Every structure is written in structure tokens, then in C-alpha cells.
């Protein structure tokens, strides 16, 4: 119906939340990763795939 599976939708929500948390600048990348249900390494890969930059670059 929306062009993506339920799993893809949930992943997109988690990554969007990670983006918001990193944009606020209050937490380290590892803390954000664990808060949205990723390990830091997996967040980095998924984040770069979705947004084109790494979470660390987002924090700058």
C-alpha cells in the first residue's frame, strides 16, 4: 500500500528518530544507536544508506 514493507517502515521511523536525536546534539552516537535499537556499527551503515552521511558527520 505504501511501497515498503512493515519492517522497512519501522526501520525508517527508527532512523528518523536517530536523526532528530543527533540533530539535538545532546547524546553521543552510541547512546543514540542504543536508544533507537541499533548497535553503533549497524546504525552507522543504515544511517549512511538512508541520509548519505554518517551519524558522526551529523553531529558536527
PDB file of N, CA and C in Angstrom:
ATOM      1  N   UNK A   1       0.817  -1.193   0.000  1.00  0.00           N
ATOM      2  CA  UNK A   1       0.000   0.000   0.000  1.00  0.00           C
ATOM      3  C   UNK A   1       0.871   1.272   0.000  1.00  0.00           C
ATOM      4  N   UNK A   2       1.984   1.291   0.789  1.00  0.00           N
ATOM      5  CA  UNK A   2       2.840   2.470   0.881  1.00  0.00           C
ATOM      6  C   UNK A   2       4.178   2.287   0.174  1.00  0.00           C
ATOM      7  N   UNK A   3       4.346   1.179  -0.538  1.00  0.00           N
ATOM      8  CA  UNK A   3       5.570   0.964  -1.284  1.00  0.00           C
ATOM      9  C   UNK A   3       6.728   0.430  -0.469  1.00  0.00           C
ATOM     10  N   UNK A   4       6.455   0.002   0.755  1.00  0.00           N
ATOM     11  CA  UNK A   4       7.505  -0.580   1.589  1.00  0.00           C
ATOM     12  C   UNK A   4       6.875  -1.562   2.562  1.00  0.00           C
ATOM     13  N   UNK A   5       7.693  -2.490   3.009  1.00  0.00           N
ATOM     14  CA  UNK A   5       7.205  -3.481   3.969  1.00  0.00           C
ATOM     15  C   UNK A   5       7.092  -2.850   5.358  1.00  0.00           C
ATOM     16  N   UNK A   6       6.447  -3.565   6.256  1.00  0.00           N
ATOM     17  CA  UNK A   6       6.316  -3.095   7.624  1.00  0.00           C
ATOM     18  C   UNK A   6       7.688  -2.913   8.262  1.00  0.00           C
ATOM     19  N   UNK A   7       8.600  -3.866   8.035  1.00  0.00           N
ATOM     20  CA  UNK A   7       9.955  -3.778   8.577  1.00  0.00           C
ATOM     21  C   UNK A   7      10.698  -2.553   8.064  1.00  0.00           C
ATOM     22  N   UNK A   8      10.550  -2.265   6.779  1.00  0.00           N
ATOM     23  CA  UNK A   8      11.188  -1.079   6.202  1.00  0.00           C
ATOM     24  C   UNK A   8      10.606   0.201   6.808  1.00  0.00           C
ATOM     25  N   UNK A   9       9.317   0.199   7.056  1.00  0.00           N
ATOM     26  CA  UNK A   9       8.658   1.354   7.661  1.00  0.00           C
ATOM     27  C   UNK A   9       9.186   1.590   9.080  1.00  0.00           C
ATOM     28  N   UNK A  10       9.294   0.523   9.868  1.00  0.00           N
ATOM     29  CA  UNK A  10       9.792   0.634  11.236  1.00  0.00           C
ATOM     30  C   UNK A  10      11.247   1.111  11.234  1.00  0.00           C
ATOM     31  N   UNK A  11      12.051   0.564  10.335  1.00  0.00           N
ATOM     32  CA  UNK A  11      13.455   1.000  10.233  1.00  0.00           C
ATOM     33  C   UNK A  11      13.544   2.481   9.894  1.00  0.00           C
ATOM     34  N   UNK A  12      12.697   2.936   8.982  1.00  0.00           N
ATOM     35  CA  UNK A  12      12.697   4.350   8.609  1.00  0.00           C
ATOM     36  C   UNK A  12      12.322   5.220   9.809  1.00  0.00           C
ATOM     37  N   UNK A  13      11.343   4.790  10.591  1.00  0.00           N
ATOM     38  CA  UNK A  13      10.967   5.539  11.794  1.00  0.00           C
ATOM     39  C   UNK A  13      12.120   5.618  12.788  1.00  0.00           C
ATOM     40  N   UNK A  14      12.803   4.492  12.991  1.00  0.00           N
ATOM     41  CA  UNK A  14      13.927   4.461  13.925  1.00  0.00           C
ATOM     42  C   UNK A  14      15.046   5.381  13.456  1.00  0.00           C
ATOM     43  N   UNK A  15      15.336   5.353  12.156  1.00  0.00           N
ATOM     44  CA  UNK A  15      16.400   6.200  11.616  1.00  0.00           C
ATOM     45  C   UNK A  15      16.017   7.677  11.668  1.00  0.00           C
ATOM     46  N   UNK A  16      14.758   7.976  11.424  1.00  0.00           N
ATOM     47  CA  UNK A  16      14.303   9.367  11.539  1.00  0.00           C
ATOM     48  C   UNK A  16      14.452   9.861  12.974  1.00  0.00           C
ATOM     49  N   UNK A  17      14.132   8.996  13.928  1.00  0.00           N
ATOM     50  CA  UNK A  17      14.280   9.365  15.346  1.00  0.00           C
ATOM     51  C   UNK A  17      15.762   9.571  15.686  1.00  0.00           C
ATOM     52  N   UNK A  18      16.624   8.700  15.163  1.00  0.00           N
ATOM     53  CA  UNK A  18      18.066   8.859  15.386  1.00  0.00           C
ATOM     54  C   UNK A  18      18.546  10.191  14.820  1.00  0.00           C
ATOM     55  N   UNK A  19      18.058  10.551  13.647  1.00  0.00           N
ATOM     56  CA  UNK A  19      18.422  11.826  13.024  1.00  0.00           C
ATOM     57  C   UNK A  19      18.042  12.989  13.946  1.00  0.00           C
ATOM     58  N   UNK A  20      16.824  12.946  14.467  1.00  0.00           N
ATOM     59  CA  UNK A  20      16.359  14.007  15.367  1.00  0.00           C
ATOM     60  C   UNK A  20      17.224  14.090  16.619  1.00  0.00           C
ATOM     61  N   UNK A  21      17.558  12.946  17.183  1.00  0.00           N
ATOM     62  CA  UNK A  21      18.365  12.916  18.402  1.00  0.00           C
ATOM     63  C   UNK A  21      19.769  13.455  18.142  1.00  0.00           C
ATOM     64  N   UNK A  22      20.349  13.094  17.000  1.00  0.00           N
ATOM     65  CA  UNK A  22      21.683  13.587  16.660  1.00  0.00           C
ATOM     66  C   UNK A  22      21.649  15.086  16.374  1.00  0.00           C
ATOM     67  N   UNK A  23      20.592  15.528  15.744  1.00  0.00           N
ATOM     68  CA  UNK A  23      20.447  16.948  15.428  1.00  0.00           C
ATOM     69  C   UNK A  23      20.373  17.788  16.708  1.00  0.00           C
ATOM     70  N   UNK A  24      19.734  17.244  17.734  1.00  0.00           N
ATOM     71  CA  UNK A  24      19.634  17.952  19.016  1.00  0.00           C
ATOM     72  C   UNK A  24      21.007  18.099  19.662  1.00  0.00           C
ATOM     73  N   UNK A  25      21.910  17.148  19.402  1.00  0.00           N
ATOM     74  CA  UNK A  25      23.286  17.250  19.865  1.00  0.00           C
ATOM     75  C   UNK A  25      23.533  16.933  21.321  1.00  0.00           C
ATOM     76  N   UNK A  26      22.577  16.330  22.001  1.00  0.00           N
ATOM     77  CA  UNK A  26      22.732  16.058  23.430  1.00  0.00           C
ATOM     78  C   UNK A  26      23.379  14.709  23.739  1.00  0.00           C
ATOM     79  N   UNK A  27      23.367  13.791  22.792  1.00  0.00           N
ATOM     80  CA  UNK A  27      23.828  12.425  23.046  1.00  0.00           C
ATOM     81  C   UNK A  27      24.959  12.030  22.109  1.00  0.00           C
ATOM     82  N   UNK A  28      25.773  11.092  22.569  1.00  0.00           N
ATOM     83  CA  UNK A  28      26.806  10.505  21.727  1.00  0.00           C
ATOM     84  C   UNK A  28      26.151   9.552  20.718  1.00  0.00           C
ATOM     85  N   UNK A  29      26.862   9.256  19.647  1.00  0.00           N
ATOM     86  CA  UNK A  29      26.332   8.377  18.604  1.00  0.00           C
ATOM     87  C   UNK A  29      25.957   7.012  19.190  1.00  0.00           C
ATOM     88  N   UNK A  30      26.780   6.456  20.043  1.00  0.00           N
ATOM     89  CA  UNK A  30      26.479   5.146  20.636  1.00  0.00           C
ATOM     90  C   UNK A  30      25.203   5.194  21.466  1.00  0.00           C
ATOM     91  N   UNK A  31      25.000   6.268  22.206  1.00  0.00           N
ATOM     92  CA  UNK A  31      23.785   6.404  23.015  1.00  0.00           C
ATOM     93  C   UNK A  31      22.548   6.479  22.130  1.00  0.00           C
ATOM     94  N   UNK A  32      22.647   7.221  21.050  1.00  0.00           N
ATOM     95  CA  UNK A  32      21.535   7.321  20.104  1.00  0.00           C
ATOM     96  C   UNK A  32      21.245   5.952  19.503  1.00  0.00           C
ATOM     97  N   UNK A  33      22.298   5.247  19.094  1.00  0.00           N
ATOM     98  CA  UNK A  33      22.122   3.926  18.492  1.00  0.00           C
ATOM     99  C   UNK A  33      21.353   3.003  19.424  1.00  0.00           C
ATOM    100  N   UNK A  34      21.771   2.915  20.664  1.00  0.00           N
ATOM    101  CA  UNK A  34      21.101   2.027  21.605  1.00  0.00           C
ATOM    102  C   UNK A  34      19.674   2.490  21.905  1.00  0.00           C
ATOM    103  N   UNK A  35      19.443   3.784  21.921  1.00  0.00           N
ATOM    104  CA  UNK A  35      18.099   4.308  22.180  1.00  0.00           C
ATOM    105  C   UNK A  35      17.103   3.964  21.076  1.00  0.00           C
ATOM    106  N   UNK A  36      17.581   3.842  19.854  1.00  0.00           N
ATOM    107  CA  UNK A  36      16.670   3.511  18.748  1.00  0.00           C
ATOM    108  C   UNK A  36      16.750   2.039  18.344  1.00  0.00           C
ATOM    109  N   UNK A  37      17.500   1.246  19.110  1.00  0.00           N
ATOM    110  CA  UNK A  37      17.504  -0.194  18.889  1.00  0.00           C
ATOM    111  C   UNK A  37      18.543  -0.726  17.924  1.00  0.00           C
ATOM    112  N   UNK A  38      19.605   0.008  17.721  1.00  0.00           N
ATOM    113  CA  UNK A  38      20.705  -0.429  16.867  1.00  0.00           C
ATOM    114  C   UNK A  38      21.981  -0.541  17.689  1.00  0.00           C
ATOM    115  N   UNK A  39      22.942  -1.289  17.166  1.00  0.00           N
ATOM    116  CA  UNK A  39      24.298  -1.186  17.684  1.00  0.00           C
ATOM    117  C   UNK A  39      24.926   0.002  16.949  1.00  0.00           C
ATOM    118  N   UNK A  40      25.978   0.600  17.487  1.00  0.00           N
ATOM    119  CA  UNK A  40      26.584   1.744  16.791  1.00  0.00           C
ATOM    120  C   UNK A  40      27.014   1.425  15.361  1.00  0.00           C
ATOM    121  N   UNK A  41      27.569   0.248  15.136  1.00  0.00           N
ATOM    122  CA  UNK A  41      28.021  -0.113  13.785  1.00  0.00           C
ATOM    123  C   UNK A  41      26.844  -0.245  12.817  1.00  0.00           C
ATOM    124  N   UNK A  42      25.777  -0.885  13.259  1.00  0.00           N
ATOM    125  CA  UNK A  42      24.610  -1.051  12.391  1.00  0.00           C
ATOM    126  C   UNK A  42      23.914   0.284  12.131  1.00  0.00           C
ATOM    127  N   UNK A  43      23.872   1.140  13.134  1.00  0.00           N
ATOM    128  CA  UNK A  43      23.281   2.461  12.926  1.00  0.00           C
ATOM    129  C   UNK A  43      24.071   3.225  11.877  1.00  0.00           C
ATOM    130  N   UNK A  44      25.387   3.154  11.957  1.00  0.00           N
ATOM    131  CA  UNK A  44      26.221   3.883  11.020  1.00  0.00           C
ATOM    132  C   UNK A  44      25.942   3.467   9.576  1.00  0.00           C
ATOM    133  N   UNK A  45      25.847   2.174   9.346  1.00  0.00           N
ATOM    134  CA  UNK A  45      25.596   1.661   7.988  1.00  0.00           C
ATOM    135  C   UNK A  45      24.204   2.076   7.507  1.00  0.00           C
ATOM    136  N   UNK A  46      23.194   1.855   8.324  1.00  0.00           N
ATOM    137  CA  UNK A  46      21.822   2.166   7.934  1.00  0.00           C
ATOM    138  C   UNK A  46      21.616   3.673   7.765  1.00  0.00           C
ATOM    139  N   UNK A  47      22.222   4.465   8.642  1.00  0.00           N
ATOM    140  CA  UNK A  47      22.089   5.919   8.610  1.00  0.00           C
ATOM    141  C   UNK A  47      22.702   6.472   7.328  1.00  0.00           C
ATOM    142  N   UNK A  48      23.902   6.000   7.003  1.00  0.00           N
ATOM    143  CA  UNK A  48      24.571   6.470   5.781  1.00  0.00           C
ATOM    144  C   UNK A  48      23.767   6.076   4.542  1.00  0.00           C
ATOM    145  N   UNK A  49      23.195   4.890   4.553  1.00  0.00           N
ATOM    146  CA  UNK A  49      22.404   4.424   3.410  1.00  0.00           C
ATOM    147  C   UNK A  49      21.165   5.300   3.219  1.00  0.00           C
ATOM    148  N   UNK A  50      20.532   5.701   4.312  1.00  0.00           N
ATOM    149  CA  UNK A  50      19.300   6.493   4.225  1.00  0.00           C
ATOM    150  C   UNK A  50      19.560   7.977   3.988  1.00  0.00           C
ATOM    151  N   UNK A  51      20.550   8.551   4.671  1.00  0.00           N
ATOM    152  CA  UNK A  51      20.746  10.003   4.636  1.00  0.00           C
ATOM    153  C   UNK A  51      21.986  10.461   3.867  1.00  0.00           C
ATOM    154  N   UNK A  52      22.874   9.542   3.527  1.00  0.00           N
ATOM    155  CA  UNK A  52      24.052   9.904   2.741  1.00  0.00           C
ATOM    156  C   UNK A  52      25.216  10.463   3.536  1.00  0.00           C
ATOM    157  N   UNK A  53      25.075  10.523   4.850  1.00  0.00           N
ATOM    158  CA  UNK A  53      26.166  10.957   5.722  1.00  0.00           C
ATOM    159  C   UNK A  53      26.202  10.031   6.929  1.00  0.00           C
ATOM    160  N   UNK A  54      27.332  10.009   7.607  1.00  0.00           N
ATOM    161  CA  UNK A  54      27.430   9.147   8.788  1.00  0.00           C
ATOM    162  C   UNK A  54      26.821   9.863  10.007  1.00  0.00           C
ATOM    163  N   UNK A  55      26.447   9.120  11.022  1.00  0.00           N
ATOM    164  CA  UNK A  55      25.942   9.748  12.236  1.00  0.00           C
ATOM    165  C   UNK A  55      26.960  10.706  12.858  1.00  0.00           C
ATOM    166  N   UNK A  56      28.220  10.353  12.784  1.00  0.00           N
ATOM    167  CA  UNK A  56      29.271  11.223  13.337  1.00  0.00           C
ATOM    168  C   UNK A  56      29.310  12.558  12.589  1.00  0.00           C
ATOM    169  N   UNK A  57      29.179  12.512  11.270  1.00  0.00           N
ATOM    170  CA  UNK A  57      29.152  13.749  10.483  1.00  0.00           C
ATOM    171  C   UNK A  57      27.918  14.589  10.827  1.00  0.00           C
ATOM    172  N   UNK A  58      26.838  13.919  11.143  1.00  0.00           N
ATOM    173  CA  UNK A  58      25.596  14.610  11.505  1.00  0.00           C
ATOM    174  C   UNK A  58      25.774  15.398  12.787  1.00  0.00           C
ATOM    175  N   UNK A  59      26.556  14.883  13.706  1.00  0.00           N
ATOM    176  CA  UNK A  59      26.769  15.550  14.992  1.00  0.00           C
ATOM    177  C   UNK A  59      27.541  16.845  14.864  1.00  0.00           C
ATOM    178  N   UNK A  60      28.303  17.042  13.795  1.00  0.00           N
ATOM    179  CA  UNK A  60      29.153  18.230  13.644  1.00  0.00           C
ATOM    180  C   UNK A  60      28.364  19.451  13.293  1.00  0.00           C
TER     181      UNK A  60
END
